[in-house]
Amino acid sequence: MEKTDREYYTLDDMFVSKAAKRARSGEEEEIQRRKAIREHQQLAARMEKCPYCFDSSELSKHLIIAIGTKEGSVNARVPTIKNEISSMKGFVVLHLIFLPLPIDFTNSSRMFRNALVKMFEAKDLDCVFLETNMSMKKRYHMVYECIPLPKEVGDMAPIYFKKAIMESDEEWSVNKKLIDLSSKDVRKSVPKGLPYFSVDFGLQGGFAHIIEDQHKFPHYFGK
């Protein structure tokens, strides 16, 4: 028998109580089911119009120059003309698009980074890798940008980035402003779920910064 606080608890009361519990449980399951369907439809609609998705009509497929071993998960491409850096003389921006984040992300990114660094070294250039991770509920991708630099600019890049990060965002930050990535990957240095900006210099580590206010932090900060 179930324990109750009521002195007079009949058999009828017990059946009514159990039926009500089942009804509530069924309603909750239906609410969760509808929520899951709605979220799936929203994601599908976003991906259909996404400029990064492999199957999207918005993706400029003629700009893709390399595809990773896992189908559709990683691809490298040059930017569109409207990109603010792509029009600069001698510059090419390469996007490494990860969708969804593959299990072997570290291996995939290292493979692409090695190839890009080697390619630019042959042209006597340095390069930096940028990632701005904001609006994570709206953006399903990881976009990793590679920007080649003249050697003399590449040598000074860590100093400039460090200074800019220290001066960025809120004056009174809750989190540490500058995170050193010389010995640890950004995914092991930034708590999961927090927006961040990170920069790596060639095959070396770099810096990361946890973004305090996504509305104030410019998405073009790295560029």
N, C-alpha and C. Protein backbone atom coordinates (compact mmCIF):
# COMPACT_ATOMS: atom_id res chain seq x y z
N MET A 1 0.84 -1.20 0.00
CA MET A 1 0.00 0.00 0.00
C MET A 1 0.87 1.25 0.00
N GLU A 2 0.40 2.30 -0.71
CA GLU A 2 1.16 3.55 -0.74
C GLU A 2 0.95 4.34 0.54
N LYS A 3 2.01 5.02 0.97
CA LYS A 3 1.89 5.87 2.16
C LYS A 3 1.24 7.20 1.76
N THR A 4 0.27 7.66 2.55
CA THR A 4 -0.36 8.96 2.29
C THR A 4 -0.50 9.70 3.60
N ASP A 5 -0.73 11.02 3.47
CA ASP A 5 -0.95 11.84 4.66
C ASP A 5 -2.43 11.91 5.03
N ARG A 6 -3.26 11.36 4.14
CA ARG A 6 -4.69 11.45 4.39
C ARG A 6 -5.17 10.27 5.22
N GLU A 7 -6.07 10.56 6.13
CA GLU A 7 -6.57 9.51 7.04
C GLU A 7 -7.49 8.54 6.31
N TYR A 8 -8.32 9.10 5.44
CA TYR A 8 -9.27 8.25 4.72
C TYR A 8 -8.84 8.18 3.26
N TYR A 9 -8.17 7.12 2.91
CA TYR A 9 -7.63 6.95 1.55
C TYR A 9 -8.20 5.66 0.98
N THR A 10 -9.18 5.81 0.08
CA THR A 10 -9.91 4.63 -0.41
C THR A 10 -9.20 4.02 -1.61
N LEU A 11 -9.69 2.86 -2.02
CA LEU A 11 -9.17 2.17 -3.20
C LEU A 11 -9.40 3.01 -4.45
N ASP A 12 -10.56 3.68 -4.49
CA ASP A 12 -10.87 4.55 -5.63
C ASP A 12 -9.85 5.68 -5.74
N ASP A 13 -9.50 6.27 -4.60
CA ASP A 13 -8.51 7.35 -4.59
C ASP A 13 -7.18 6.88 -5.17
N MET A 14 -6.81 5.64 -4.83
CA MET A 14 -5.53 5.09 -5.29
C MET A 14 -5.52 4.95 -6.81
N PHE A 15 -6.63 4.43 -7.37
CA PHE A 15 -6.71 4.26 -8.83
C PHE A 15 -6.69 5.61 -9.55
N VAL A 16 -7.43 6.59 -9.00
CA VAL A 16 -7.46 7.93 -9.59
C VAL A 16 -6.08 8.56 -9.56
N SER A 17 -5.36 8.40 -8.43
CA SER A 17 -4.02 8.95 -8.28
C SER A 17 -3.06 8.35 -9.29
N LYS A 18 -3.11 7.03 -9.46
CA LYS A 18 -2.20 6.36 -10.40
C LYS A 18 -2.51 6.76 -11.84
N ALA A 19 -3.80 6.90 -12.16
CA ALA A 19 -4.19 7.31 -13.51
C ALA A 19 -3.69 8.72 -13.81
N ALA A 20 -3.79 9.60 -12.81
CA ALA A 20 -3.31 10.97 -12.98
C ALA A 20 -1.81 11.01 -13.21
N LYS A 21 -1.07 10.15 -12.49
CA LYS A 21 0.39 10.08 -12.66
C LYS A 21 0.74 9.65 -14.07
N ARG A 22 0.01 8.63 -14.57
CA ARG A 22 0.27 8.14 -15.92
C ARG A 22 -0.03 9.21 -16.96
N ALA A 23 -1.12 9.95 -16.74
CA ALA A 23 -1.50 11.01 -17.67
C ALA A 23 -0.43 12.09 -17.72
N ARG A 24 0.06 12.49 -16.53
CA ARG A 24 1.10 13.52 -16.46
C ARG A 24 2.38 13.05 -17.15
N SER A 25 2.72 11.78 -16.92
CA SER A 25 3.92 11.21 -17.54
C SER A 25 3.80 11.22 -19.06
N GLY A 26 2.61 10.85 -19.55
CA GLY A 26 2.38 10.85 -21.00
C GLY A 26 2.46 12.24 -21.59
N GLU A 27 1.94 13.24 -20.87
CA GLU A 27 1.98 14.63 -21.33
C GLU A 27 3.43 15.13 -21.40
N GLU A 28 4.22 14.80 -20.38
CA GLU A 28 5.62 15.22 -20.36
C GLU A 28 6.40 14.61 -21.53
N GLU A 29 6.14 13.32 -21.81
CA GLU A 29 6.81 12.65 -22.92
C GLU A 29 6.44 13.31 -24.25
N GLU A 30 5.16 13.67 -24.39
CA GLU A 30 4.70 14.31 -25.62
C GLU A 30 5.34 15.69 -25.78
N ILE A 31 5.46 16.44 -24.67
CA ILE A 31 6.10 17.76 -24.72
C ILE A 31 7.56 17.63 -25.14
N GLN A 32 8.26 16.65 -24.55
CA GLN A 32 9.67 16.42 -24.90
C GLN A 32 9.82 16.00 -26.36
N ARG A 33 8.88 15.18 -26.83
CA ARG A 33 8.93 14.70 -28.23
C ARG A 33 8.75 15.88 -29.19
N ARG A 34 7.75 16.74 -28.89
CA ARG A 34 7.51 17.91 -29.75
C ARG A 34 8.69 18.87 -29.73
N LYS A 35 9.29 19.03 -28.56
CA LYS A 35 10.46 19.91 -28.43
C LYS A 35 11.62 19.39 -29.29
N ALA A 36 11.86 18.06 -29.24
CA ALA A 36 12.95 17.46 -30.02
C ALA A 36 12.69 17.63 -31.52
N ILE A 37 11.44 17.44 -31.94
CA ILE A 37 11.09 17.60 -33.35
C ILE A 37 11.30 19.04 -33.79
N ARG A 38 10.87 19.99 -32.95
CA ARG A 38 11.01 21.42 -33.27
C ARG A 38 12.48 21.82 -33.39
N GLU A 39 13.31 21.35 -32.45
CA GLU A 39 14.74 21.66 -32.50
C GLU A 39 15.40 21.07 -33.74
N HIS A 40 14.98 19.85 -34.10
CA HIS A 40 15.54 19.20 -35.30
C HIS A 40 15.17 19.98 -36.55
N GLN A 41 13.91 20.44 -36.62
CA GLN A 41 13.46 21.21 -37.79
C GLN A 41 14.18 22.54 -37.89
N GLN A 42 14.41 23.19 -36.75
CA GLN A 42 15.13 24.46 -36.74
C GLN A 42 16.57 24.29 -37.22
N LEU A 43 17.21 23.21 -36.74
CA LEU A 43 18.59 22.93 -37.13
C LEU A 43 18.67 22.62 -38.62
N ALA A 44 17.72 21.82 -39.12
CA ALA A 44 17.70 21.45 -40.54
C ALA A 44 17.51 22.69 -41.41
N ALA A 45 16.64 23.62 -40.96
CA ALA A 45 16.40 24.85 -41.72
C ALA A 45 17.66 25.71 -41.76
N ARG A 46 18.37 25.80 -40.62
CA ARG A 46 19.61 26.59 -40.57
C ARG A 46 20.67 26.00 -41.47
N MET A 47 20.80 24.68 -41.43
CA MET A 47 21.85 24.02 -42.21
C MET A 47 21.56 24.08 -43.71
N GLU A 48 20.27 24.13 -44.06
CA GLU A 48 19.90 24.19 -45.47
C GLU A 48 20.37 25.49 -46.11
N LYS A 49 20.41 26.57 -45.30
CA LYS A 49 20.82 27.87 -45.80
C LYS A 49 22.24 28.25 -45.36
N CYS A 50 22.95 27.29 -44.79
CA CYS A 50 24.26 27.57 -44.21
C CYS A 50 25.34 27.65 -45.29
N PRO A 51 26.18 28.67 -45.27
CA PRO A 51 27.24 28.79 -46.28
C PRO A 51 28.38 27.80 -46.09
N TYR A 52 28.36 27.01 -45.00
CA TYR A 52 29.44 26.06 -44.73
C TYR A 52 29.04 24.60 -44.97
N CYS A 53 27.73 24.30 -44.92
CA CYS A 53 27.28 22.91 -45.02
C CYS A 53 27.56 22.32 -46.40
N PHE A 54 27.99 21.09 -46.40
CA PHE A 54 28.40 20.44 -47.63
C PHE A 54 27.23 20.29 -48.61
N ASP A 55 26.05 19.98 -48.10
CA ASP A 55 24.88 19.75 -48.96
C ASP A 55 24.05 21.00 -49.18
N SER A 56 24.48 22.12 -48.63
CA SER A 56 23.71 23.35 -48.73
C SER A 56 23.88 23.99 -50.11
N SER A 57 22.80 24.60 -50.60
CA SER A 57 22.86 25.30 -51.88
C SER A 57 23.66 26.60 -51.74
N GLU A 58 23.86 27.04 -50.49
CA GLU A 58 24.59 28.29 -50.25
C GLU A 58 26.11 28.11 -50.29
N LEU A 59 26.57 26.86 -50.21
CA LEU A 59 28.02 26.61 -50.21
C LEU A 59 28.58 26.76 -51.62
N SER A 60 29.58 27.61 -51.77
CA SER A 60 30.23 27.79 -53.08
C SER A 60 31.23 26.66 -53.29
N LYS A 61 30.76 25.60 -53.93
CA LYS A 61 31.56 24.38 -54.02
C LYS A 61 32.83 24.54 -54.86
N HIS A 62 32.83 25.53 -55.77
CA HIS A 62 34.03 25.73 -56.59
C HIS A 62 35.19 26.30 -55.77
N LEU A 63 34.91 26.75 -54.52
CA LEU A 63 35.97 27.30 -53.67
C LEU A 63 36.63 26.22 -52.81
N ILE A 64 36.06 25.01 -52.79
CA ILE A 64 36.63 23.94 -51.97
C ILE A 64 37.90 23.41 -52.62
N ILE A 65 38.97 23.31 -51.85
CA ILE A 65 40.24 22.85 -52.41
C ILE A 65 40.70 21.52 -51.82
N ALA A 66 40.09 21.10 -50.69
CA ALA A 66 40.48 19.82 -50.08
C ALA A 66 39.34 19.32 -49.20
N ILE A 67 39.18 18.00 -49.18
CA ILE A 67 38.15 17.37 -48.35
C ILE A 67 38.81 16.32 -47.48
N GLY A 68 38.43 16.30 -46.20
CA GLY A 68 39.02 15.34 -45.25
C GLY A 68 38.60 13.91 -45.55
N THR A 69 39.22 12.97 -44.85
CA THR A 69 38.96 11.55 -45.09
C THR A 69 37.58 11.13 -44.64
N LYS A 70 37.03 11.80 -43.62
CA LYS A 70 35.66 11.51 -43.21
C LYS A 70 34.73 12.36 -44.04
N GLU A 71 33.84 11.72 -44.83
CA GLU A 71 33.03 12.42 -45.81
C GLU A 71 32.25 13.59 -45.21
N GLY A 72 32.47 14.77 -45.77
CA GLY A 72 31.70 15.95 -45.38
C GLY A 72 32.07 16.53 -44.03
N SER A 73 32.94 15.87 -43.28
CA SER A 73 33.21 16.37 -41.93
C SER A 73 34.23 17.49 -41.91
N VAL A 74 35.21 17.44 -42.81
CA VAL A 74 36.26 18.46 -42.85
C VAL A 74 36.49 18.85 -44.29
N ASN A 75 36.51 20.15 -44.56
CA ASN A 75 36.93 20.58 -45.89
C ASN A 75 37.64 21.91 -45.76
N ALA A 76 38.56 22.15 -46.67
CA ALA A 76 39.30 23.41 -46.69
C ALA A 76 38.90 24.16 -47.95
N ARG A 77 38.68 25.46 -47.80
CA ARG A 77 38.30 26.24 -48.98
C ARG A 77 38.84 27.65 -48.86
N VAL A 78 38.93 28.31 -50.01
CA VAL A 78 39.31 29.72 -50.02
C VAL A 78 38.06 30.53 -49.75
N PRO A 79 38.20 31.79 -49.30
CA PRO A 79 37.01 32.57 -48.94
C PRO A 79 36.30 33.15 -50.14
N THR A 80 35.11 33.67 -49.91
CA THR A 80 34.38 34.37 -50.95
C THR A 80 35.01 35.75 -51.15
N ILE A 81 34.70 36.37 -52.27
CA ILE A 81 35.29 37.68 -52.60
C ILE A 81 34.92 38.73 -51.56
N LYS A 82 33.72 38.62 -50.97
CA LYS A 82 33.27 39.65 -50.03
C LYS A 82 34.04 39.60 -48.70
N ASN A 83 34.82 38.52 -48.49
CA ASN A 83 35.61 38.47 -47.26
C ASN A 83 36.58 39.65 -47.23
N GLU A 84 36.66 40.32 -46.08
CA GLU A 84 37.43 41.57 -46.01
C GLU A 84 38.93 41.38 -46.21
N ILE A 85 39.45 40.18 -45.99
CA ILE A 85 40.89 39.97 -46.15
C ILE A 85 41.23 39.42 -47.52
N SER A 86 40.29 38.67 -48.13
CA SER A 86 40.62 37.96 -49.37
C SER A 86 41.02 38.90 -50.50
N SER A 87 40.56 40.15 -50.44
CA SER A 87 40.87 41.09 -51.51
C SER A 87 42.25 41.74 -51.34
N MET A 88 42.89 41.53 -50.18
CA MET A 88 44.21 42.12 -49.96
C MET A 88 45.26 41.41 -50.81
N LYS A 89 46.13 42.16 -51.40
CA LYS A 89 47.11 41.61 -52.33
C LYS A 89 47.99 40.56 -51.66
N GLY A 90 48.10 39.38 -52.28
CA GLY A 90 48.99 38.34 -51.78
C GLY A 90 48.40 37.51 -50.65
N PHE A 91 47.15 37.79 -50.25
CA PHE A 91 46.56 37.06 -49.12
C PHE A 91 45.52 36.06 -49.60
N VAL A 92 45.55 34.90 -48.98
CA VAL A 92 44.50 33.91 -49.21
C VAL A 92 44.07 33.41 -47.85
N VAL A 93 42.77 33.41 -47.60
CA VAL A 93 42.26 32.89 -46.34
C VAL A 93 41.71 31.50 -46.60
N LEU A 94 42.15 30.54 -45.82
CA LEU A 94 41.64 29.18 -45.95
C LEU A 94 40.79 28.84 -44.74
N HIS A 95 39.57 28.37 -44.99
CA HIS A 95 38.69 27.96 -43.90
C HIS A 95 38.75 26.45 -43.75
N LEU A 96 38.98 25.99 -42.54
CA LEU A 96 38.83 24.55 -42.28
C LEU A 96 37.48 24.40 -41.60
N ILE A 97 36.55 23.73 -42.25
CA ILE A 97 35.19 23.61 -41.74
C ILE A 97 35.01 22.22 -41.14
N PHE A 98 34.61 22.15 -39.88
CA PHE A 98 34.39 20.87 -39.21
C PHE A 98 32.89 20.73 -38.90
N LEU A 99 32.21 19.75 -39.53
CA LEU A 99 30.78 19.57 -39.31
C LEU A 99 30.40 18.11 -39.44
N PRO A 100 29.81 17.49 -38.43
CA PRO A 100 29.92 17.98 -37.06
C PRO A 100 31.34 17.72 -36.58
N LEU A 101 31.69 18.13 -35.38
CA LEU A 101 33.05 17.92 -34.91
C LEU A 101 33.39 16.44 -34.93
N PRO A 102 34.33 16.01 -35.77
CA PRO A 102 34.66 14.59 -35.84
C PRO A 102 35.39 14.10 -34.59
N ILE A 103 35.30 12.81 -34.35
CA ILE A 103 35.96 12.22 -33.18
C ILE A 103 37.47 12.43 -33.27
N ASP A 104 38.01 12.33 -34.49
CA ASP A 104 39.45 12.48 -34.66
C ASP A 104 39.79 13.92 -35.02
N PHE A 105 39.11 14.88 -34.37
CA PHE A 105 39.30 16.30 -34.67
C PHE A 105 40.77 16.70 -34.58
N THR A 106 41.44 16.29 -33.52
CA THR A 106 42.84 16.70 -33.31
C THR A 106 43.71 16.24 -34.46
N ASN A 107 43.55 14.98 -34.88
CA ASN A 107 44.34 14.46 -35.99
C ASN A 107 44.03 15.19 -37.29
N SER A 108 42.73 15.46 -37.53
CA SER A 108 42.33 16.14 -38.76
C SER A 108 42.90 17.54 -38.82
N SER A 109 42.76 18.28 -37.71
CA SER A 109 43.25 19.66 -37.71
C SER A 109 44.77 19.71 -37.85
N ARG A 110 45.45 18.77 -37.17
CA ARG A 110 46.92 18.73 -37.26
C ARG A 110 47.37 18.44 -38.70
N MET A 111 46.67 17.52 -39.35
CA MET A 111 47.01 17.17 -40.73
C MET A 111 46.89 18.38 -41.65
N PHE A 112 45.77 19.09 -41.54
CA PHE A 112 45.56 20.27 -42.37
C PHE A 112 46.55 21.38 -42.02
N ARG A 113 46.79 21.57 -40.72
CA ARG A 113 47.72 22.62 -40.31
C ARG A 113 49.13 22.34 -40.83
N ASN A 114 49.57 21.10 -40.71
CA ASN A 114 50.90 20.72 -41.22
C ASN A 114 51.03 21.04 -42.70
N ALA A 115 49.99 20.66 -43.46
CA ALA A 115 50.02 20.86 -44.91
C ALA A 115 50.05 22.35 -45.27
N LEU A 116 49.24 23.13 -44.57
CA LEU A 116 49.18 24.57 -44.86
C LEU A 116 50.47 25.29 -44.48
N VAL A 117 51.00 24.96 -43.30
CA VAL A 117 52.25 25.59 -42.86
C VAL A 117 53.38 25.27 -43.84
N LYS A 118 53.43 24.01 -44.26
CA LYS A 118 54.47 23.59 -45.20
C LYS A 118 54.33 24.32 -46.54
N MET A 119 53.07 24.47 -46.98
CA MET A 119 52.82 25.14 -48.26
C MET A 119 53.27 26.61 -48.21
N PHE A 120 52.92 27.29 -47.10
CA PHE A 120 53.28 28.71 -47.00
C PHE A 120 54.76 28.91 -46.73
N GLU A 121 55.38 27.96 -46.02
CA GLU A 121 56.83 28.05 -45.80
C GLU A 121 57.58 28.02 -47.12
N ALA A 122 57.06 27.20 -48.06
CA ALA A 122 57.69 27.11 -49.38
C ALA A 122 57.63 28.44 -50.12
N LYS A 123 56.67 29.28 -49.74
CA LYS A 123 56.54 30.61 -50.34
C LYS A 123 57.17 31.69 -49.45
N ASP A 124 57.93 31.23 -48.44
CA ASP A 124 58.59 32.13 -47.48
C ASP A 124 57.58 32.98 -46.72
N LEU A 125 56.49 32.33 -46.27
CA LEU A 125 55.45 33.01 -45.50
C LEU A 125 55.20 32.30 -44.17
N ASP A 126 54.80 33.06 -43.16
CA ASP A 126 54.28 32.50 -41.91
C ASP A 126 52.76 32.42 -42.03
N CYS A 127 52.11 31.83 -41.04
CA CYS A 127 50.65 31.86 -41.05
C CYS A 127 50.11 31.77 -39.63
N VAL A 128 48.92 32.34 -39.44
CA VAL A 128 48.22 32.25 -38.16
C VAL A 128 46.89 31.55 -38.38
N PHE A 129 46.42 30.86 -37.35
CA PHE A 129 45.13 30.16 -37.40
C PHE A 129 44.19 30.80 -36.38
N LEU A 130 43.03 31.22 -36.84
CA LEU A 130 42.08 31.93 -35.99
C LEU A 130 40.79 31.13 -35.82
N GLU A 131 40.25 31.19 -34.62
CA GLU A 131 38.93 30.61 -34.38
C GLU A 131 38.15 31.54 -33.45
N THR A 132 36.95 31.95 -33.88
CA THR A 132 36.07 32.76 -33.04
C THR A 132 34.81 31.94 -32.80
N ASN A 133 34.65 31.49 -31.58
CA ASN A 133 33.55 30.58 -31.25
C ASN A 133 32.49 31.34 -30.45
N MET A 134 31.48 31.86 -31.18
CA MET A 134 30.40 32.60 -30.53
C MET A 134 29.06 32.09 -31.06
N SER A 135 27.97 32.44 -30.36
CA SER A 135 26.61 32.06 -30.77
C SER A 135 26.54 30.57 -31.07
N MET A 136 26.94 29.76 -30.09
CA MET A 136 27.08 28.33 -30.32
C MET A 136 25.77 27.60 -30.61
N LYS A 137 24.64 28.16 -30.12
CA LYS A 137 23.35 27.52 -30.39
C LYS A 137 22.91 27.75 -31.83
N LYS A 138 23.40 28.83 -32.43
CA LYS A 138 23.01 29.15 -33.81
C LYS A 138 24.02 28.62 -34.81
N ARG A 139 25.25 28.43 -34.37
CA ARG A 139 26.31 28.03 -35.29
C ARG A 139 26.77 26.61 -34.98
N TYR A 140 26.50 25.73 -35.91
CA TYR A 140 26.75 24.31 -35.67
C TYR A 140 28.18 23.91 -36.04
N HIS A 141 28.90 24.84 -36.64
CA HIS A 141 30.22 24.52 -37.19
C HIS A 141 31.36 25.02 -36.32
N MET A 142 32.47 24.39 -36.53
CA MET A 142 33.72 25.00 -36.10
C MET A 142 34.39 25.51 -37.38
N VAL A 143 34.70 26.80 -37.43
CA VAL A 143 35.36 27.38 -38.60
C VAL A 143 36.74 27.86 -38.15
N TYR A 144 37.75 27.30 -38.78
CA TYR A 144 39.14 27.55 -38.41
C TYR A 144 39.79 28.25 -39.59
N GLU A 145 40.23 29.49 -39.43
CA GLU A 145 40.74 30.27 -40.55
C GLU A 145 42.26 30.37 -40.51
N CYS A 146 42.84 30.19 -41.68
CA CYS A 146 44.29 30.27 -41.80
C CYS A 146 44.64 31.48 -42.65
N ILE A 147 45.48 32.37 -42.10
CA ILE A 147 45.86 33.59 -42.83
C ILE A 147 47.37 33.65 -42.95
N PRO A 148 47.90 33.61 -44.17
CA PRO A 148 49.35 33.71 -44.38
C PRO A 148 49.84 35.14 -44.16
N LEU A 149 51.05 35.26 -43.63
CA LEU A 149 51.64 36.56 -43.33
C LEU A 149 53.09 36.61 -43.82
N PRO A 150 53.56 37.77 -44.21
CA PRO A 150 54.99 37.91 -44.49
C PRO A 150 55.79 37.56 -43.23
N LYS A 151 56.99 37.06 -43.40
CA LYS A 151 57.80 36.60 -42.27
C LYS A 151 57.97 37.66 -41.19
N GLU A 152 58.27 38.91 -41.61
CA GLU A 152 58.51 39.95 -40.62
C GLU A 152 57.25 40.27 -39.81
N VAL A 153 56.07 40.13 -40.44
CA VAL A 153 54.81 40.34 -39.73
C VAL A 153 54.52 39.15 -38.83
N GLY A 154 54.81 37.93 -39.34
CA GLY A 154 54.58 36.72 -38.56
C GLY A 154 55.41 36.69 -37.28
N ASP A 155 56.65 37.23 -37.36
CA ASP A 155 57.51 37.27 -36.17
C ASP A 155 56.93 38.15 -35.07
N MET A 156 56.24 39.22 -35.48
CA MET A 156 55.69 40.18 -34.51
C MET A 156 54.26 39.83 -34.09
N ALA A 157 53.61 38.92 -34.81
CA ALA A 157 52.20 38.62 -34.58
C ALA A 157 51.88 38.25 -33.13
N PRO A 158 52.67 37.39 -32.45
CA PRO A 158 52.33 37.05 -31.06
C PRO A 158 52.27 38.27 -30.14
N ILE A 159 53.16 39.24 -30.36
CA ILE A 159 53.18 40.44 -29.52
C ILE A 159 51.91 41.26 -29.73
N TYR A 160 51.53 41.43 -31.00
CA TYR A 160 50.34 42.22 -31.31
C TYR A 160 49.07 41.55 -30.79
N PHE A 161 48.95 40.24 -31.00
CA PHE A 161 47.76 39.52 -30.54
C PHE A 161 47.65 39.54 -29.02
N LYS A 162 48.79 39.35 -28.36
CA LYS A 162 48.77 39.36 -26.89
C LYS A 162 48.29 40.71 -26.37
N LYS A 163 48.81 41.79 -26.95
CA LYS A 163 48.43 43.13 -26.52
C LYS A 163 46.94 43.39 -26.80
N ALA A 164 46.48 43.00 -27.98
CA ALA A 164 45.09 43.23 -28.35
C ALA A 164 44.12 42.45 -27.46
N ILE A 165 44.47 41.22 -27.13
CA ILE A 165 43.62 40.40 -26.26
C ILE A 165 43.55 41.00 -24.86
N MET A 166 44.70 41.45 -24.35
CA MET A 166 44.73 42.04 -23.00
C MET A 166 43.90 43.32 -22.91
N GLU A 167 43.75 44.00 -24.05
CA GLU A 167 42.99 45.25 -24.06
C GLU A 167 41.54 45.05 -24.48
N SER A 168 41.17 43.82 -24.82
CA SER A 168 39.84 43.56 -25.36
C SER A 168 38.81 43.31 -24.28
N ASP A 169 37.53 43.31 -24.71
CA ASP A 169 36.41 42.87 -23.87
C ASP A 169 36.21 43.74 -22.64
N GLU A 170 35.57 43.16 -21.62
CA GLU A 170 35.21 43.91 -20.41
C GLU A 170 36.46 44.29 -19.59
N GLU A 171 36.39 45.43 -18.95
CA GLU A 171 37.52 45.87 -18.10
C GLU A 171 37.64 44.95 -16.89
N TRP A 172 36.48 44.59 -16.30
CA TRP A 172 36.49 43.70 -15.12
C TRP A 172 36.02 42.32 -15.55
N SER A 173 36.91 41.52 -16.08
CA SER A 173 36.54 40.19 -16.57
C SER A 173 36.43 39.19 -15.43
N VAL A 174 35.44 38.30 -15.56
CA VAL A 174 35.29 37.23 -14.57
C VAL A 174 36.37 36.17 -14.80
N ASN A 175 36.66 35.90 -16.08
CA ASN A 175 37.65 34.88 -16.44
C ASN A 175 39.00 35.51 -16.74
N LYS A 176 40.01 34.69 -16.71
CA LYS A 176 41.37 35.12 -17.05
C LYS A 176 41.39 35.63 -18.49
N LYS A 177 41.96 36.80 -18.71
CA LYS A 177 41.89 37.40 -20.04
C LYS A 177 42.72 36.64 -21.08
N LEU A 178 43.91 36.26 -20.71
CA LEU A 178 44.82 35.61 -21.66
C LEU A 178 45.12 34.19 -21.20
N ILE A 179 44.82 33.23 -22.06
CA ILE A 179 45.11 31.81 -21.76
C ILE A 179 46.23 31.35 -22.69
N ASP A 180 47.30 30.84 -22.11
CA ASP A 180 48.46 30.39 -22.88
C ASP A 180 48.18 29.00 -23.45
N LEU A 181 48.32 28.85 -24.78
CA LEU A 181 48.06 27.57 -25.43
C LEU A 181 49.35 26.88 -25.88
N SER A 182 50.48 27.27 -25.28
CA SER A 182 51.76 26.70 -25.70
C SER A 182 51.88 25.22 -25.35
N SER A 183 51.19 24.78 -24.30
CA SER A 183 51.31 23.38 -23.90
C SER A 183 49.99 22.61 -23.93
N LYS A 184 48.85 23.36 -24.12
CA LYS A 184 47.55 22.70 -24.09
C LYS A 184 46.67 23.19 -25.22
N ASP A 185 45.87 22.28 -25.77
CA ASP A 185 44.91 22.61 -26.83
C ASP A 185 43.81 23.50 -26.25
N VAL A 186 43.20 24.34 -27.11
CA VAL A 186 42.16 25.25 -26.64
C VAL A 186 40.98 24.52 -26.02
N ARG A 187 40.65 23.33 -26.57
CA ARG A 187 39.50 22.58 -26.04
C ARG A 187 39.76 22.02 -24.64
N LYS A 188 41.03 21.96 -24.25
CA LYS A 188 41.38 21.52 -22.89
C LYS A 188 41.63 22.72 -21.97
N SER A 189 41.67 23.91 -22.54
CA SER A 189 41.98 25.10 -21.76
C SER A 189 40.77 25.96 -21.45
N VAL A 190 39.73 25.86 -22.31
CA VAL A 190 38.53 26.68 -22.12
C VAL A 190 37.38 25.78 -21.66
N PRO A 191 36.71 26.13 -20.57
CA PRO A 191 35.57 25.32 -20.10
C PRO A 191 34.53 25.15 -21.19
N LYS A 192 33.98 23.95 -21.30
CA LYS A 192 33.01 23.63 -22.34
C LYS A 192 31.79 24.54 -22.24
N GLY A 193 31.34 25.03 -23.39
CA GLY A 193 30.13 25.86 -23.42
C GLY A 193 30.38 27.35 -23.39
N LEU A 194 31.63 27.76 -23.08
CA LEU A 194 31.93 29.19 -23.03
C LEU A 194 32.40 29.69 -24.40
N PRO A 195 31.95 30.87 -24.82
CA PRO A 195 32.43 31.43 -26.09
C PRO A 195 33.89 31.87 -25.94
N TYR A 196 34.67 31.75 -27.01
CA TYR A 196 36.08 32.12 -26.92
C TYR A 196 36.64 32.53 -28.28
N PHE A 197 37.78 33.19 -28.23
CA PHE A 197 38.59 33.47 -29.42
C PHE A 197 39.95 32.81 -29.20
N SER A 198 40.50 32.21 -30.24
CA SER A 198 41.84 31.63 -30.10
C SER A 198 42.67 31.90 -31.35
N VAL A 199 43.97 31.97 -31.15
CA VAL A 199 44.90 32.16 -32.25
C VAL A 199 46.10 31.24 -32.04
N ASP A 200 46.54 30.56 -33.11
CA ASP A 200 47.74 29.73 -33.08
C ASP A 200 48.70 30.26 -34.14
N PHE A 201 49.99 30.17 -33.86
CA PHE A 201 51.00 30.69 -34.77
C PHE A 201 51.73 29.53 -35.43
N GLY A 202 51.40 29.28 -36.69
CA GLY A 202 52.00 28.14 -37.39
C GLY A 202 51.70 26.84 -36.67
N LEU A 203 52.74 26.06 -36.40
CA LEU A 203 52.57 24.80 -35.68
C LEU A 203 52.78 24.98 -34.18
N GLN A 204 53.05 26.23 -33.78
CA GLN A 204 53.23 26.52 -32.36
C GLN A 204 51.87 26.75 -31.72
N GLY A 205 51.87 26.80 -30.41
CA GLY A 205 50.65 27.17 -29.71
C GLY A 205 50.40 28.66 -29.87
N GLY A 206 49.44 29.17 -29.10
CA GLY A 206 49.15 30.59 -29.20
C GLY A 206 48.44 31.06 -27.95
N PHE A 207 47.34 31.79 -28.16
CA PHE A 207 46.58 32.35 -27.04
C PHE A 207 45.09 32.09 -27.25
N ALA A 208 44.38 32.06 -26.12
CA ALA A 208 42.92 32.00 -26.17
C ALA A 208 42.37 33.06 -25.23
N HIS A 209 41.14 33.46 -25.51
CA HIS A 209 40.49 34.48 -24.68
C HIS A 209 39.02 34.10 -24.54
N ILE A 210 38.53 33.98 -23.31
CA ILE A 210 37.11 33.70 -23.08
C ILE A 210 36.34 35.00 -23.26
N ILE A 211 35.34 34.98 -24.13
CA ILE A 211 34.57 36.17 -24.46
C ILE A 211 33.52 36.41 -23.38
N GLU A 212 33.62 37.55 -22.72
CA GLU A 212 32.71 37.87 -21.62
C GLU A 212 31.35 38.34 -22.13
N ASP A 213 31.34 39.18 -23.16
CA ASP A 213 30.09 39.73 -23.69
C ASP A 213 30.07 39.54 -25.21
N GLN A 214 29.25 38.61 -25.67
CA GLN A 214 29.21 38.29 -27.09
C GLN A 214 28.65 39.43 -27.93
N HIS A 215 27.86 40.30 -27.31
CA HIS A 215 27.25 41.42 -28.05
C HIS A 215 28.27 42.52 -28.31
N LYS A 216 29.28 42.62 -27.47
CA LYS A 216 30.29 43.67 -27.62
C LYS A 216 31.54 43.19 -28.36
N PHE A 217 31.83 41.90 -28.26
CA PHE A 217 33.07 41.38 -28.87
C PHE A 217 32.88 41.27 -30.39
N PRO A 218 33.72 41.93 -31.20
CA PRO A 218 33.53 41.89 -32.66
C PRO A 218 33.92 40.53 -33.24
N HIS A 219 33.08 40.02 -34.14
CA HIS A 219 33.37 38.71 -34.74
C HIS A 219 34.60 38.75 -35.63
N TYR A 220 35.00 39.96 -36.06
CA TYR A 220 36.17 40.13 -36.95
C TYR A 220 37.44 40.49 -36.15
N PHE A 221 37.40 40.31 -34.84
CA PHE A 221 38.52 40.70 -33.97
C PHE A 221 39.86 40.16 -34.48
N GLY A 222 39.94 38.88 -34.77
CA GLY A 222 41.20 38.28 -35.20
C GLY A 222 41.73 38.87 -36.49
N LYS A 223 40.82 39.13 -37.43
CA LYS A 223 41.24 39.69 -38.71
C LYS A 223 41.70 41.12 -38.57
